[in-house]
C-alpha atoms as a PDB file:
ATOM      1  CA  UNK A   1      -7.946  37.993  -3.546  1.00  0.00           C
ATOM      2  CA  UNK A   2      -7.021  36.375  -0.238  1.00  0.00           C
ATOM      3  CA  UNK A   3     -10.068  34.126  -0.267  1.00  0.00           C
ATOM      4  CA  UNK A   4      -9.074  32.811  -3.673  1.00  0.00           C
ATOM      5  CA  UNK A   5      -5.464  32.270  -2.582  1.00  0.00           C
ATOM      6  CA  UNK A   6      -6.616  30.478   0.557  1.00  0.00           C
ATOM      7  CA  UNK A   7      -8.849  28.165  -1.490  1.00  0.00           C
ATOM      8  CA  UNK A   8      -6.021  27.331  -3.882  1.00  0.00           C
ATOM      9  CA  UNK A   9      -3.637  26.544  -1.022  1.00  0.00           C
ATOM     10  CA  UNK A  10      -6.279  24.441   0.706  1.00  0.00           C
ATOM     11  CA  UNK A  11      -6.983  22.428  -2.445  1.00  0.00           C
ATOM     12  CA  UNK A  12      -3.252  21.949  -2.990  1.00  0.00           C
ATOM     13  CA  UNK A  13      -2.886  20.339   0.431  1.00  0.00           C
ATOM     14  CA  UNK A  14      -5.908  18.114  -0.137  1.00  0.00           C
ATOM     15  CA  UNK A  15      -4.376  16.783  -3.338  1.00  0.00           C
ATOM     16  CA  UNK A  16      -0.855  16.387  -1.922  1.00  0.00           C
ATOM     17  CA  UNK A  17      -1.785  14.520   1.256  1.00  0.00           C
ATOM     18  CA  UNK A  18      -2.665  11.150  -0.379  1.00  0.00           C
ATOM     19  CA  UNK A  19       0.449  11.319  -2.544  1.00  0.00           C
ATOM     20  CA  UNK A  20       2.606  12.046   0.502  1.00  0.00           C
ATOM     21  CA  UNK A  21       0.924   9.203   2.407  1.00  0.00           C
ATOM     22  CA  UNK A  22       1.636   6.697  -0.373  1.00  0.00           C
ATOM     23  CA  UNK A  23       5.265   7.816  -0.534  1.00  0.00           C
ATOM     24  CA  UNK A  24       5.627   7.317   3.220  1.00  0.00           C
ATOM     25  CA  UNK A  25       3.992   3.924   2.958  1.00  0.00           C
ATOM     26  CA  UNK A  26       6.362   2.739   0.244  1.00  0.00           C
ATOM     27  CA  UNK A  27       9.358   4.153   2.101  1.00  0.00           C
ATOM     28  CA  UNK A  28       8.304   2.239   5.217  1.00  0.00           C
ATOM     29  CA  UNK A  29       8.515  -1.000   3.194  1.00  0.00           C
ATOM     30  CA  UNK A  30      12.078  -0.162   2.199  1.00  0.00           C
ATOM     31  CA  UNK A  31      13.079   0.696   5.768  1.00  0.00           C
ATOM     32  CA  UNK A  32      11.326  -2.253   7.400  1.00  0.00           C
ATOM     33  CA  UNK A  33      11.469  -5.238   5.062  1.00  0.00           C
ATOM     34  CA  UNK A  34      10.356  -7.609   7.831  1.00  0.00           C
ATOM     35  CA  UNK A  35       6.703  -6.599   7.379  1.00  0.00           C
ATOM     36  CA  UNK A  36       6.987  -6.927   3.612  1.00  0.00           C
ATOM     37  CA  UNK A  37       8.525 -10.392   3.898  1.00  0.00           C
ATOM     38  CA  UNK A  38       5.670 -11.453   6.203  1.00  0.00           C
ATOM     39  CA  UNK A  39       3.157 -10.217   3.641  1.00  0.00           C
ATOM     40  CA  UNK A  40       5.095 -12.040   0.930  1.00  0.00           C
ATOM     41  CA  UNK A  41       4.871 -15.257   2.944  1.00  0.00           C
ATOM     42  CA  UNK A  42       1.103 -14.813   3.136  1.00  0.00           C
ATOM     43  CA  UNK A  43       0.979 -14.324  -0.637  1.00  0.00           C
ATOM     44  CA  UNK A  44       2.916 -17.558  -1.134  1.00  0.00           C
ATOM     45  CA  UNK A  45       0.522 -19.353   1.222  1.00  0.00           C
ATOM     46  CA  UNK A  46      -2.460 -18.020  -0.723  1.00  0.00           C
ATOM     47  CA  UNK A  47      -0.800 -19.000  -4.019  1.00  0.00           C
ATOM     48  CA  UNK A  48      -0.404 -22.569  -2.757  1.00  0.00           C
ATOM     49  CA  UNK A  49      -4.209 -22.616  -2.393  1.00  0.00           C
ATOM     50  CA  UNK A  50      -4.677 -21.195  -5.883  1.00  0.00           C
ATOM     51  CA  UNK A  51      -5.526 -17.691  -4.667  1.00  0.00           C
ATOM     52  CA  UNK A  52      -3.917 -14.725  -6.401  1.00  0.00           C
ATOM     53  CA  UNK A  53      -1.946 -12.072  -4.518  1.00  0.00           C
ATOM     54  CA  UNK A  54      -4.252  -9.561  -6.219  1.00  0.00           C
ATOM     55  CA  UNK A  55      -7.423 -11.148  -4.871  1.00  0.00           C
ATOM     56  CA  UNK A  56      -9.742  -9.341  -2.481  1.00  0.00           C
ATOM     57  CA  UNK A  57      -8.663 -11.722   0.282  1.00  0.00           C
ATOM     58  CA  UNK A  58      -4.980 -10.854  -0.170  1.00  0.00           C
ATOM     59  CA  UNK A  59      -5.666  -7.115  -0.403  1.00  0.00           C
ATOM     60  CA  UNK A  60      -7.768  -7.255   2.767  1.00  0.00           C
ATOM     61  CA  UNK A  61      -4.940  -9.065   4.550  1.00  0.00           C
ATOM     62  CA  UNK A  62      -2.447  -6.380   3.513  1.00  0.00           C
ATOM     63  CA  UNK A  63      -4.848  -3.649   4.559  1.00  0.00           C
ATOM     64  CA  UNK A  64      -5.209  -5.081   8.058  1.00  0.00           C
ATOM     65  CA  UNK A  65      -1.589  -6.196   8.442  1.00  0.00           C
ATOM     66  CA  UNK A  66      -0.134  -2.728   8.168  1.00  0.00           C
ATOM     67  CA  UNK A  67       0.130  -0.481  11.241  1.00  0.00           C
ATOM     68  CA  UNK A  68      -2.981   1.480  10.325  1.00  0.00           C
ATOM     69  CA  UNK A  69      -5.734  -0.040   8.262  1.00  0.00           C
ATOM     70  CA  UNK A  70      -5.209   0.994   4.658  1.00  0.00           C
ATOM     71  CA  UNK A  71      -7.773   1.803   2.029  1.00  0.00           C
ATOM     72  CA  UNK A  72      -8.192  -0.970  -0.567  1.00  0.00           C
ATOM     73  CA  UNK A  73      -6.436   1.181  -3.168  1.00  0.00           C
ATOM     74  CA  UNK A  74      -3.410   1.847  -0.948  1.00  0.00           C
ATOM     75  CA  UNK A  75      -3.302  -1.807   0.069  1.00  0.00           C
ATOM     76  CA  UNK A  76      -3.263  -2.824  -3.592  1.00  0.00           C
ATOM     77  CA  UNK A  77      -0.470  -0.352  -4.371  1.00  0.00           C
ATOM     78  CA  UNK A  78       1.472  -1.655  -1.378  1.00  0.00           C
ATOM     79  CA  UNK A  79       0.920  -5.255  -2.505  1.00  0.00           C
ATOM     80  CA  UNK A  80       2.315  -4.553  -5.956  1.00  0.00           C
ATOM     81  CA  UNK A  81       5.302  -2.813  -4.410  1.00  0.00           C
ATOM     82  CA  UNK A  82       5.954  -5.695  -1.978  1.00  0.00           C
ATOM     83  CA  UNK A  83       5.694  -8.248  -4.783  1.00  0.00           C
ATOM     84  CA  UNK A  84       8.124  -6.261  -6.904  1.00  0.00           C
ATOM     85  CA  UNK A  85      10.684  -5.954  -4.112  1.00  0.00           C
ATOM     86  CA  UNK A  86      10.415  -9.191  -2.177  1.00  0.00           C
ATOM     87  CA  UNK A  87       8.424 -11.876  -3.962  1.00  0.00           C
ATOM     88  CA  UNK A  88       8.422 -11.629  -7.729  1.00  0.00           C
ATOM     89  CA  UNK A  89       7.442 -15.311  -8.162  1.00  0.00           C
ATOM     90  CA  UNK A  90       3.948 -14.986  -6.678  1.00  0.00           C
ATOM     91  CA  UNK A  91       0.937 -14.579  -8.918  1.00  0.00           C
END
């Protein structure tokens, strides 16, 4: 019984950790818009060269720009969030 309960609790924490991390990441954008505005400026620069804010180059920039290097998926989620909050006119 206890082994089963332990496994369920362990799996619960494995599933919740990425969700909690994404929530913290998005909250950090709200609390520190300076980083988001810098990323937005980079998106505008890339757009002026015809490069989309959803391109691999832009996602890699976001991944490396943040305090800890993000996974490509988290960087893409963060990019969409930043665009929605700070730079809706980029493509």
